[in-house]
Amino acid sequence: MKSTKIWLAIAGILLVVLGIFCIAKPTATLFTTAWLIGLLTLFAGISKLMFTFKTQAFLPNSGTRALSAILEIIVGIIFLANNFFVAFSLPVIFALWVIIEGVVIIVNSFDYKRVGFPHWFVILLLGICGVVLGILGLKNPDVTAATLSTMIGIGVIAMGCSYLFALMGINKFENKVEDIRQKIGIDEQ
């Protein structure tokens, strides 16, 4: 258990440091994210192709799955080969996603109004805010890139902190178990 706790502590500290780096170096964060997207897409395509070959005898449509897998492999290779393009496309893609989600939220707000939800207008306002933020993101891709890097950094820091808090929880649990053992007179062997 001691080695697990050591690795948990190391992982937590390294994640916090990595998160700080992500916030401090937004361009490097975007390039790394783009590279990871390419690598994961390539890996997913290879995995899907292997699955298709192993299951083609008893699952229908193996041709379409194989085609999909090959396309994923090609996209992964393109992403890895054009890391610069992908890194600078991420803020635009993110801004477009926020706009689309904002429109969906706006449309959903009217469904909430129709069923009598009294605070439907809050959902409407949040959707409008999403659309406006997405449009601002398209107009200022540098700010969007820095925001993405900051969000990634905060997420990584949160994961690191959760590891460190889990470590504290494990220590507290072990102490409680030891107290119970001492109270009932069980020796650790």
N, C-alpha and C. Protein backbone atom coordinates (compact mmCIF):
# COMPACT_ATOMS: atom_id res chain seq x y z
N MET A 1 0.83 -1.20 0.00
CA MET A 1 0.00 0.00 0.00
C MET A 1 0.86 1.25 0.00
N LYS A 2 2.05 1.16 0.61
CA LYS A 2 2.91 2.33 0.68
C LYS A 2 3.35 2.78 -0.71
N SER A 3 3.69 1.83 -1.59
CA SER A 3 4.13 2.20 -2.94
C SER A 3 2.98 2.84 -3.72
N THR A 4 1.75 2.35 -3.52
CA THR A 4 0.59 2.95 -4.18
C THR A 4 0.42 4.40 -3.75
N LYS A 5 0.59 4.65 -2.46
CA LYS A 5 0.45 6.01 -1.95
C LYS A 5 1.55 6.91 -2.49
N ILE A 6 2.74 6.38 -2.63
CA ILE A 6 3.85 7.17 -3.17
C ILE A 6 3.55 7.55 -4.62
N TRP A 7 3.10 6.56 -5.41
CA TRP A 7 2.78 6.85 -6.81
C TRP A 7 1.61 7.81 -6.93
N LEU A 8 0.63 7.70 -6.05
CA LEU A 8 -0.51 8.61 -6.05
C LEU A 8 -0.05 10.03 -5.76
N ALA A 9 0.85 10.18 -4.79
CA ALA A 9 1.38 11.50 -4.45
C ALA A 9 2.19 12.08 -5.62
N ILE A 10 3.04 11.25 -6.22
CA ILE A 10 3.85 11.71 -7.36
C ILE A 10 2.95 12.13 -8.51
N ALA A 11 1.96 11.29 -8.83
CA ALA A 11 1.04 11.61 -9.92
C ALA A 11 0.28 12.90 -9.64
N GLY A 12 -0.19 13.07 -8.42
CA GLY A 12 -0.92 14.29 -8.07
C GLY A 12 -0.06 15.53 -8.22
N ILE A 13 1.17 15.47 -7.73
CA ILE A 13 2.07 16.62 -7.82
C ILE A 13 2.41 16.92 -9.28
N LEU A 14 2.71 15.87 -10.06
CA LEU A 14 3.05 16.08 -11.47
C LEU A 14 1.87 16.64 -12.25
N LEU A 15 0.66 16.20 -11.94
CA LEU A 15 -0.51 16.75 -12.63
C LEU A 15 -0.71 18.22 -12.30
N VAL A 16 -0.50 18.60 -11.05
CA VAL A 16 -0.62 20.01 -10.68
C VAL A 16 0.42 20.84 -11.43
N VAL A 17 1.66 20.35 -11.49
CA VAL A 17 2.72 21.05 -12.22
C VAL A 17 2.38 21.15 -13.70
N LEU A 18 1.89 20.04 -14.29
CA LEU A 18 1.49 20.04 -15.69
C LEU A 18 0.36 21.04 -15.95
N GLY A 19 -0.60 21.11 -15.04
CA GLY A 19 -1.70 22.07 -15.18
C GLY A 19 -1.21 23.50 -15.16
N ILE A 20 -0.28 23.78 -14.28
CA ILE A 20 0.31 25.13 -14.23
C ILE A 20 1.03 25.43 -15.54
N PHE A 21 1.76 24.44 -16.06
CA PHE A 21 2.44 24.61 -17.35
C PHE A 21 1.44 24.89 -18.46
N CYS A 22 0.31 24.18 -18.46
CA CYS A 22 -0.71 24.38 -19.49
C CYS A 22 -1.23 25.81 -19.47
N ILE A 23 -1.41 26.34 -18.29
CA ILE A 23 -1.91 27.71 -18.16
C ILE A 23 -0.83 28.71 -18.57
N ALA A 24 0.42 28.44 -18.20
CA ALA A 24 1.51 29.36 -18.48
C ALA A 24 1.94 29.33 -19.95
N LYS A 25 1.77 28.20 -20.63
CA LYS A 25 2.23 28.05 -22.02
C LYS A 25 1.06 27.61 -22.92
N PRO A 26 0.14 28.53 -23.25
CA PRO A 26 -1.05 28.14 -24.00
C PRO A 26 -0.74 27.58 -25.40
N THR A 27 0.26 28.11 -26.08
CA THR A 27 0.57 27.61 -27.42
C THR A 27 1.06 26.17 -27.36
N ALA A 28 1.96 25.89 -26.43
CA ALA A 28 2.46 24.52 -26.27
C ALA A 28 1.32 23.57 -25.91
N THR A 29 0.38 24.05 -25.11
CA THR A 29 -0.77 23.23 -24.72
C THR A 29 -1.61 22.88 -25.94
N LEU A 30 -1.85 23.86 -26.82
CA LEU A 30 -2.65 23.59 -28.02
C LEU A 30 -1.94 22.60 -28.94
N PHE A 31 -0.63 22.76 -29.12
CA PHE A 31 0.10 21.83 -29.97
C PHE A 31 0.07 20.42 -29.39
N THR A 32 0.23 20.31 -28.09
CA THR A 32 0.19 19.00 -27.44
C THR A 32 -1.20 18.39 -27.55
N THR A 33 -2.23 19.19 -27.35
CA THR A 33 -3.61 18.71 -27.47
C THR A 33 -3.88 18.23 -28.89
N ALA A 34 -3.43 19.00 -29.87
CA ALA A 34 -3.62 18.61 -31.27
C ALA A 34 -2.90 17.30 -31.56
N TRP A 35 -1.69 17.15 -31.05
CA TRP A 35 -0.93 15.92 -31.24
C TRP A 35 -1.65 14.74 -30.59
N LEU A 36 -2.17 14.94 -29.37
CA LEU A 36 -2.89 13.87 -28.68
C LEU A 36 -4.16 13.48 -29.43
N ILE A 37 -4.87 14.46 -29.97
CA ILE A 37 -6.07 14.17 -30.75
C ILE A 37 -5.70 13.31 -31.96
N GLY A 38 -4.62 13.68 -32.64
CA GLY A 38 -4.17 12.89 -33.78
C GLY A 38 -3.77 11.48 -33.37
N LEU A 39 -3.02 11.37 -32.29
CA LEU A 39 -2.57 10.06 -31.82
C LEU A 39 -3.75 9.18 -31.40
N LEU A 40 -4.68 9.76 -30.64
CA LEU A 40 -5.84 8.99 -30.18
C LEU A 40 -6.75 8.58 -31.34
N THR A 41 -6.90 9.47 -32.32
CA THR A 41 -7.70 9.14 -33.49
C THR A 41 -7.05 8.00 -34.27
N LEU A 42 -5.73 8.06 -34.44
CA LEU A 42 -5.01 6.99 -35.12
C LEU A 42 -5.16 5.68 -34.35
N PHE A 43 -4.98 5.71 -33.06
CA PHE A 43 -5.12 4.51 -32.22
C PHE A 43 -6.54 3.95 -32.29
N ALA A 44 -7.53 4.84 -32.24
CA ALA A 44 -8.93 4.39 -32.32
C ALA A 44 -9.21 3.72 -33.67
N GLY A 45 -8.68 4.29 -34.74
CA GLY A 45 -8.88 3.69 -36.05
C GLY A 45 -8.23 2.32 -36.17
N ILE A 46 -7.01 2.20 -35.66
CA ILE A 46 -6.32 0.90 -35.69
C ILE A 46 -7.09 -0.12 -34.86
N SER A 47 -7.55 0.29 -33.68
CA SER A 47 -8.30 -0.62 -32.82
C SER A 47 -9.60 -1.07 -33.49
N LYS A 48 -10.29 -0.12 -34.12
CA LYS A 48 -11.54 -0.45 -34.80
C LYS A 48 -11.29 -1.40 -35.97
N LEU A 49 -10.20 -1.19 -36.69
CA LEU A 49 -9.88 -2.06 -37.81
C LEU A 49 -9.57 -3.48 -37.33
N MET A 50 -8.82 -3.59 -36.25
CA MET A 50 -8.51 -4.91 -35.68
C MET A 50 -9.80 -5.60 -35.21
N PHE A 51 -10.68 -4.85 -34.55
CA PHE A 51 -11.97 -5.38 -34.11
C PHE A 51 -12.78 -5.87 -35.31
N THR A 52 -12.77 -5.09 -36.38
CA THR A 52 -13.53 -5.45 -37.57
C THR A 52 -13.03 -6.77 -38.15
N PHE A 53 -11.71 -6.92 -38.23
CA PHE A 53 -11.16 -8.17 -38.77
C PHE A 53 -11.50 -9.37 -37.90
N LYS A 54 -11.52 -9.16 -36.57
CA LYS A 54 -11.80 -10.28 -35.67
C LYS A 54 -13.27 -10.65 -35.64
N THR A 55 -14.15 -9.72 -35.99
CA THR A 55 -15.59 -9.98 -35.86
C THR A 55 -16.31 -10.05 -37.19
N GLN A 56 -15.59 -9.95 -38.29
CA GLN A 56 -16.26 -9.90 -39.60
C GLN A 56 -17.05 -11.17 -39.91
N ALA A 57 -16.67 -12.28 -39.31
CA ALA A 57 -17.37 -13.54 -39.59
C ALA A 57 -18.78 -13.58 -39.00
N PHE A 58 -18.99 -12.88 -37.89
CA PHE A 58 -20.31 -12.98 -37.25
C PHE A 58 -21.01 -11.65 -37.02
N LEU A 59 -20.42 -10.52 -37.39
CA LEU A 59 -21.11 -9.23 -37.29
C LEU A 59 -21.32 -8.67 -38.71
N PRO A 60 -22.53 -8.21 -38.99
CA PRO A 60 -22.79 -7.67 -40.33
C PRO A 60 -22.10 -6.31 -40.52
N ASN A 61 -22.06 -5.88 -41.75
CA ASN A 61 -21.54 -4.56 -42.11
C ASN A 61 -20.06 -4.38 -41.79
N SER A 62 -19.29 -5.43 -41.90
CA SER A 62 -17.87 -5.28 -41.59
C SER A 62 -17.17 -4.37 -42.59
N GLY A 63 -17.70 -4.28 -43.79
CA GLY A 63 -17.12 -3.39 -44.79
C GLY A 63 -17.22 -1.93 -44.40
N THR A 64 -18.38 -1.53 -43.90
CA THR A 64 -18.55 -0.14 -43.49
C THR A 64 -17.72 0.17 -42.25
N ARG A 65 -17.62 -0.81 -41.33
CA ARG A 65 -16.77 -0.60 -40.14
C ARG A 65 -15.30 -0.49 -40.55
N ALA A 66 -14.89 -1.30 -41.51
CA ALA A 66 -13.50 -1.24 -41.98
C ALA A 66 -13.23 0.11 -42.66
N LEU A 67 -14.17 0.57 -43.47
CA LEU A 67 -14.01 1.87 -44.12
C LEU A 67 -13.92 2.99 -43.08
N SER A 68 -14.80 2.94 -42.09
CA SER A 68 -14.77 3.93 -41.02
C SER A 68 -13.43 3.90 -40.28
N ALA A 69 -12.93 2.71 -40.03
CA ALA A 69 -11.65 2.57 -39.33
C ALA A 69 -10.51 3.13 -40.18
N ILE A 70 -10.53 2.85 -41.46
CA ILE A 70 -9.48 3.36 -42.34
C ILE A 70 -9.53 4.88 -42.41
N LEU A 71 -10.74 5.44 -42.46
CA LEU A 71 -10.87 6.90 -42.46
C LEU A 71 -10.34 7.50 -41.15
N GLU A 72 -10.61 6.85 -40.03
CA GLU A 72 -10.07 7.33 -38.75
C GLU A 72 -8.55 7.29 -38.75
N ILE A 73 -7.99 6.23 -39.30
CA ILE A 73 -6.53 6.13 -39.38
C ILE A 73 -5.97 7.27 -40.24
N ILE A 74 -6.61 7.53 -41.37
CA ILE A 74 -6.16 8.61 -42.25
C ILE A 74 -6.26 9.95 -41.55
N VAL A 75 -7.38 10.21 -40.87
CA VAL A 75 -7.55 11.47 -40.14
C VAL A 75 -6.48 11.60 -39.05
N GLY A 76 -6.21 10.51 -38.33
CA GLY A 76 -5.18 10.55 -37.31
C GLY A 76 -3.82 10.89 -37.89
N ILE A 77 -3.48 10.28 -39.03
CA ILE A 77 -2.20 10.57 -39.68
C ILE A 77 -2.15 12.03 -40.15
N ILE A 78 -3.26 12.51 -40.73
CA ILE A 78 -3.32 13.91 -41.17
C ILE A 78 -3.13 14.84 -39.98
N PHE A 79 -3.80 14.55 -38.87
CA PHE A 79 -3.66 15.39 -37.68
C PHE A 79 -2.22 15.39 -37.17
N LEU A 80 -1.60 14.22 -37.16
CA LEU A 80 -0.21 14.14 -36.69
C LEU A 80 0.74 14.85 -37.65
N ALA A 81 0.48 14.76 -38.95
CA ALA A 81 1.35 15.38 -39.93
C ALA A 81 1.13 16.90 -40.03
N ASN A 82 -0.04 17.36 -39.67
CA ASN A 82 -0.38 18.78 -39.77
C ASN A 82 -0.71 19.36 -38.40
N ASN A 83 0.13 19.09 -37.43
CA ASN A 83 -0.10 19.52 -36.06
C ASN A 83 -0.33 21.03 -35.98
N PHE A 84 0.39 21.80 -36.77
CA PHE A 84 0.26 23.26 -36.77
C PHE A 84 -1.16 23.67 -37.14
N PHE A 85 -1.69 23.08 -38.23
CA PHE A 85 -3.04 23.40 -38.68
C PHE A 85 -4.09 23.01 -37.63
N VAL A 86 -3.94 21.82 -37.08
CA VAL A 86 -4.91 21.35 -36.09
C VAL A 86 -4.87 22.23 -34.84
N ALA A 87 -3.67 22.57 -34.38
CA ALA A 87 -3.54 23.39 -33.17
C ALA A 87 -4.23 24.74 -33.34
N PHE A 88 -4.08 25.33 -34.52
CA PHE A 88 -4.69 26.63 -34.73
C PHE A 88 -6.16 26.53 -35.13
N SER A 89 -6.62 25.34 -35.46
CA SER A 89 -8.04 25.12 -35.75
C SER A 89 -8.85 24.87 -34.48
N LEU A 90 -8.20 24.37 -33.43
CA LEU A 90 -8.93 24.03 -32.21
C LEU A 90 -9.76 25.19 -31.64
N PRO A 91 -9.21 26.41 -31.55
CA PRO A 91 -10.05 27.50 -31.02
C PRO A 91 -11.28 27.77 -31.89
N VAL A 92 -11.14 27.66 -33.20
CA VAL A 92 -12.28 27.90 -34.10
C VAL A 92 -13.31 26.78 -33.93
N ILE A 93 -12.83 25.54 -33.87
CA ILE A 93 -13.73 24.40 -33.68
C ILE A 93 -14.46 24.54 -32.35
N PHE A 94 -13.73 24.92 -31.29
CA PHE A 94 -14.34 25.10 -29.98
C PHE A 94 -15.40 26.20 -30.02
N ALA A 95 -15.08 27.33 -30.66
CA ALA A 95 -16.04 28.44 -30.75
C ALA A 95 -17.29 28.02 -31.52
N LEU A 96 -17.11 27.29 -32.61
CA LEU A 96 -18.28 26.80 -33.37
C LEU A 96 -19.12 25.85 -32.53
N TRP A 97 -18.45 24.99 -31.77
CA TRP A 97 -19.17 24.06 -30.89
C TRP A 97 -20.00 24.83 -29.86
N VAL A 98 -19.42 25.89 -29.28
CA VAL A 98 -20.14 26.69 -28.28
C VAL A 98 -21.36 27.36 -28.92
N ILE A 99 -21.21 27.85 -30.14
CA ILE A 99 -22.34 28.47 -30.85
C ILE A 99 -23.44 27.44 -31.08
N ILE A 100 -23.09 26.28 -31.58
CA ILE A 100 -24.09 25.24 -31.86
C ILE A 100 -24.80 24.82 -30.57
N GLU A 101 -24.03 24.59 -29.52
CA GLU A 101 -24.64 24.22 -28.24
C GLU A 101 -25.54 25.34 -27.71
N GLY A 102 -25.12 26.59 -27.90
CA GLY A 102 -25.95 27.73 -27.48
C GLY A 102 -27.28 27.74 -28.20
N VAL A 103 -27.26 27.49 -29.52
CA VAL A 103 -28.50 27.45 -30.30
C VAL A 103 -29.38 26.31 -29.81
N VAL A 104 -28.79 25.14 -29.56
CA VAL A 104 -29.56 23.99 -29.05
C VAL A 104 -30.21 24.35 -27.71
N ILE A 105 -29.46 25.01 -26.84
CA ILE A 105 -30.01 25.41 -25.53
C ILE A 105 -31.15 26.40 -25.70
N ILE A 106 -31.01 27.34 -26.64
CA ILE A 106 -32.09 28.31 -26.90
C ILE A 106 -33.35 27.57 -27.35
N VAL A 107 -33.20 26.66 -28.30
CA VAL A 107 -34.36 25.89 -28.79
C VAL A 107 -34.98 25.09 -27.64
N ASN A 108 -34.14 24.46 -26.82
CA ASN A 108 -34.65 23.68 -25.69
C ASN A 108 -35.39 24.55 -24.67
N SER A 109 -34.95 25.80 -24.53
CA SER A 109 -35.61 26.68 -23.55
C SER A 109 -37.09 26.86 -23.87
N PHE A 110 -37.43 26.91 -25.16
CA PHE A 110 -38.83 27.07 -25.55
C PHE A 110 -39.62 25.79 -25.27
N ASP A 111 -38.95 24.64 -25.33
CA ASP A 111 -39.62 23.40 -24.92
C ASP A 111 -39.94 23.44 -23.43
N TYR A 112 -39.00 23.97 -22.64
CA TYR A 112 -39.25 24.11 -21.21
C TYR A 112 -40.39 25.08 -20.94
N LYS A 113 -40.46 26.15 -21.71
CA LYS A 113 -41.55 27.12 -21.56
C LYS A 113 -42.89 26.45 -21.87
N ARG A 114 -42.91 25.64 -22.93
CA ARG A 114 -44.14 24.98 -23.35
C ARG A 114 -44.68 24.04 -22.28
N VAL A 115 -43.78 23.38 -21.51
CA VAL A 115 -44.25 22.46 -20.48
C VAL A 115 -44.48 23.15 -19.14
N GLY A 116 -44.32 24.48 -19.12
CA GLY A 116 -44.65 25.24 -17.93
C GLY A 116 -43.53 25.44 -16.92
N PHE A 117 -42.28 25.20 -17.32
CA PHE A 117 -41.15 25.42 -16.40
C PHE A 117 -41.01 26.92 -16.17
N PRO A 118 -41.12 27.38 -14.90
CA PRO A 118 -41.17 28.82 -14.64
C PRO A 118 -39.87 29.57 -14.93
N HIS A 119 -38.75 28.88 -14.96
CA HIS A 119 -37.46 29.57 -15.15
C HIS A 119 -36.86 29.29 -16.52
N TRP A 120 -37.71 29.05 -17.50
CA TRP A 120 -37.25 28.75 -18.86
C TRP A 120 -36.40 29.87 -19.43
N PHE A 121 -36.68 31.10 -19.02
CA PHE A 121 -35.97 32.26 -19.55
C PHE A 121 -34.49 32.25 -19.13
N VAL A 122 -34.17 31.62 -17.97
CA VAL A 122 -32.77 31.51 -17.55
C VAL A 122 -32.02 30.63 -18.54
N ILE A 123 -32.65 29.54 -18.95
CA ILE A 123 -32.05 28.65 -19.94
C ILE A 123 -31.87 29.40 -21.26
N LEU A 124 -32.88 30.19 -21.64
CA LEU A 124 -32.79 30.99 -22.86
C LEU A 124 -31.60 31.95 -22.79
N LEU A 125 -31.48 32.65 -21.66
CA LEU A 125 -30.37 33.61 -21.50
C LEU A 125 -29.01 32.91 -21.55
N LEU A 126 -28.92 31.73 -20.93
CA LEU A 126 -27.65 30.98 -20.98
C LEU A 126 -27.33 30.56 -22.41
N GLY A 127 -28.33 30.17 -23.16
CA GLY A 127 -28.11 29.82 -24.57
C GLY A 127 -27.64 31.02 -25.38
N ILE A 128 -28.26 32.15 -25.13
CA ILE A 128 -27.85 33.38 -25.83
C ILE A 128 -26.41 33.73 -25.45
N CYS A 129 -26.08 33.60 -24.18
CA CYS A 129 -24.69 33.85 -23.73
C CYS A 129 -23.72 32.92 -24.44
N GLY A 130 -24.12 31.67 -24.60
CA GLY A 130 -23.26 30.71 -25.30
C GLY A 130 -23.01 31.13 -26.74
N VAL A 131 -24.07 31.54 -27.43
CA VAL A 131 -23.93 31.99 -28.82
C VAL A 131 -23.02 33.22 -28.88
N VAL A 132 -23.25 34.18 -28.00
CA VAL A 132 -22.42 35.40 -28.00
C VAL A 132 -20.96 35.06 -27.71
N LEU A 133 -20.72 34.21 -26.71
CA LEU A 133 -19.34 33.81 -26.39
C LEU A 133 -18.70 33.07 -27.56
N GLY A 134 -19.46 32.23 -28.23
CA GLY A 134 -18.94 31.53 -29.41
C GLY A 134 -18.56 32.49 -30.52
N ILE A 135 -19.41 33.48 -30.76
CA ILE A 135 -19.11 34.48 -31.79
C ILE A 135 -17.87 35.27 -31.40
N LEU A 136 -17.78 35.67 -30.13
CA LEU A 136 -16.58 36.37 -29.67
C LEU A 136 -15.34 35.49 -29.82
N GLY A 137 -15.52 34.19 -29.58
CA GLY A 137 -14.41 33.25 -29.75
C GLY A 137 -13.94 33.17 -31.19
N LEU A 138 -14.89 33.25 -32.14
CA LEU A 138 -14.51 33.25 -33.56
C LEU A 138 -13.79 34.54 -33.94
N LYS A 139 -14.22 35.65 -33.33
CA LYS A 139 -13.59 36.94 -33.64
C LYS A 139 -12.21 37.07 -33.01
N ASN A 140 -11.97 36.38 -31.88
CA ASN A 140 -10.70 36.47 -31.17
C ASN A 140 -10.13 35.08 -30.90
N PRO A 141 -9.63 34.41 -31.94
CA PRO A 141 -9.15 33.04 -31.72
C PRO A 141 -7.97 32.96 -30.75
N ASP A 142 -7.18 34.03 -30.63
CA ASP A 142 -6.07 34.01 -29.67
C ASP A 142 -6.58 33.93 -28.24
N VAL A 143 -7.63 34.70 -27.96
CA VAL A 143 -8.23 34.66 -26.62
C VAL A 143 -8.86 33.29 -26.38
N THR A 144 -9.51 32.75 -27.41
CA THR A 144 -10.12 31.42 -27.29
C THR A 144 -9.05 30.37 -27.03
N ALA A 145 -7.91 30.49 -27.71
CA ALA A 145 -6.80 29.54 -27.50
C ALA A 145 -6.29 29.62 -26.07
N ALA A 146 -6.12 30.84 -25.57
CA ALA A 146 -5.66 31.00 -24.18
C ALA A 146 -6.70 30.46 -23.20
N THR A 147 -7.97 30.68 -23.51
CA THR A 147 -9.04 30.18 -22.65
C THR A 147 -9.06 28.65 -22.64
N LEU A 148 -8.91 28.05 -23.82
CA LEU A 148 -8.85 26.58 -23.90
C LEU A 148 -7.69 26.04 -23.08
N SER A 149 -6.53 26.65 -23.25
CA SER A 149 -5.35 26.20 -22.51
C SER A 149 -5.56 26.34 -21.01
N THR A 150 -6.18 27.44 -20.61
CA THR A 150 -6.46 27.66 -19.19
C THR A 150 -7.44 26.62 -18.67
N MET A 151 -8.48 26.32 -19.46
CA MET A 151 -9.45 25.30 -19.04
C MET A 151 -8.80 23.93 -18.92
N ILE A 152 -7.94 23.60 -19.89
CA ILE A 152 -7.22 22.33 -19.82
C ILE A 152 -6.33 22.31 -18.58
N GLY A 153 -5.62 23.41 -18.35
CA GLY A 153 -4.75 23.51 -17.18
C GLY A 153 -5.51 23.36 -15.87
N ILE A 154 -6.64 24.03 -15.77
CA ILE A 154 -7.45 23.95 -14.55
C ILE A 154 -7.96 22.52 -14.36
N GLY A 155 -8.37 21.89 -15.45
CA GLY A 155 -8.83 20.50 -15.36
C GLY A 155 -7.73 19.56 -14.89
N VAL A 156 -6.53 19.74 -15.42
CA VAL A 156 -5.40 18.89 -15.02
C VAL A 156 -5.03 19.16 -13.56
N ILE A 157 -5.03 20.41 -13.16
CA ILE A 157 -4.75 20.75 -11.75
C ILE A 157 -5.81 20.12 -10.84
N ALA A 158 -7.06 20.18 -11.26
CA ALA A 158 -8.14 19.57 -10.45
C ALA A 158 -7.92 18.07 -10.31
N MET A 159 -7.50 17.40 -11.39
CA MET A 159 -7.22 15.96 -11.29
C MET A 159 -6.07 15.70 -10.32
N GLY A 160 -5.02 16.50 -10.42
CA GLY A 160 -3.88 16.34 -9.50
C GLY A 160 -4.29 16.55 -8.06
N CYS A 161 -5.09 17.59 -7.82
CA CYS A 161 -5.56 17.85 -6.45
C CYS A 161 -6.45 16.71 -5.96
N SER A 162 -7.26 16.16 -6.86
CA SER A 162 -8.13 15.04 -6.44
C SER A 162 -7.28 13.84 -6.03
N TYR A 163 -6.17 13.61 -6.72
CA TYR A 163 -5.26 12.53 -6.31
C TYR A 163 -4.69 12.79 -4.93
N LEU A 164 -4.29 14.04 -4.70
CA LEU A 164 -3.71 14.38 -3.40
C LEU A 164 -4.75 14.29 -2.28
N PHE A 165 -5.97 14.72 -2.56
CA PHE A 165 -7.03 14.59 -1.56
C PHE A 165 -7.38 13.12 -1.33
N ALA A 166 -7.36 12.32 -2.40
CA ALA A 166 -7.60 10.88 -2.24
C ALA A 166 -6.53 10.27 -1.35
N LEU A 167 -5.30 10.72 -1.50
CA LEU A 167 -4.21 10.24 -0.66
C LEU A 167 -4.48 10.57 0.80
N MET A 168 -4.95 11.79 1.05
CA MET A 168 -5.28 12.17 2.43
C MET A 168 -6.43 11.31 2.95
N GLY A 169 -7.41 11.02 2.09
CA GLY A 169 -8.52 10.16 2.49
C GLY A 169 -8.07 8.75 2.82
N ILE A 170 -7.14 8.22 2.02
CA ILE A 170 -6.60 6.89 2.29
C ILE A 170 -5.88 6.87 3.63
N ASN A 171 -5.09 7.91 3.89
CA ASN A 171 -4.38 7.99 5.18
C ASN A 171 -5.37 8.04 6.34
N LYS A 172 -6.43 8.82 6.18
CA LYS A 172 -7.42 8.93 7.25
C LYS A 172 -8.12 7.58 7.46
N PHE A 173 -8.45 6.90 6.37
CA PHE A 173 -9.08 5.60 6.45
C PHE A 173 -8.17 4.60 7.17
N GLU A 174 -6.89 4.60 6.78
CA GLU A 174 -5.93 3.69 7.43
C GLU A 174 -5.83 3.97 8.93
N ASN A 175 -5.82 5.25 9.29
CA ASN A 175 -5.75 5.61 10.72
C ASN A 175 -6.99 5.12 11.47
N LYS A 176 -8.16 5.24 10.84
CA LYS A 176 -9.39 4.77 11.49
C LYS A 176 -9.36 3.25 11.67
N VAL A 177 -8.89 2.55 10.64
CA VAL A 177 -8.79 1.10 10.74
C VAL A 177 -7.83 0.72 11.86
N GLU A 178 -6.71 1.42 11.95
CA GLU A 178 -5.73 1.14 13.01
C GLU A 178 -6.33 1.43 14.39
N ASP A 179 -7.08 2.52 14.52
CA ASP A 179 -7.73 2.83 15.81
C ASP A 179 -8.71 1.72 16.21
N ILE A 180 -9.49 1.24 15.22
CA ILE A 180 -10.44 0.16 15.51
C ILE A 180 -9.70 -1.10 15.94
N ARG A 181 -8.62 -1.41 15.25
CA ARG A 181 -7.82 -2.58 15.60
C ARG A 181 -7.31 -2.48 17.04
N GLN A 182 -6.83 -1.31 17.39
CA GLN A 182 -6.30 -1.12 18.74
C GLN A 182 -7.40 -1.23 19.79
N LYS A 183 -8.58 -0.72 19.47
CA LYS A 183 -9.69 -0.78 20.42
C LYS A 183 -10.16 -2.19 20.70
N ILE A 184 -10.15 -3.02 19.66
CA ILE A 184 -10.63 -4.39 19.85
C ILE A 184 -9.49 -5.37 20.10
N GLY A 185 -8.25 -4.85 20.10
CA GLY A 185 -7.11 -5.68 20.48
C GLY A 185 -6.57 -6.62 19.42
N ILE A 186 -6.70 -6.24 18.15
CA ILE A 186 -6.16 -7.07 17.08
C ILE A 186 -4.78 -6.53 16.72
N ASP A 187 -3.79 -7.42 16.75
CA ASP A 187 -2.43 -7.04 16.34
C ASP A 187 -2.26 -7.30 14.87
N GLU A 188 -1.54 -6.40 14.20
CA GLU A 188 -1.27 -6.59 12.79
C GLU A 188 -0.15 -7.61 12.65
N GLN A 189 -0.36 -8.59 11.79
CA GLN A 189 0.65 -9.64 11.65
C GLN A 189 1.29 -9.62 10.31
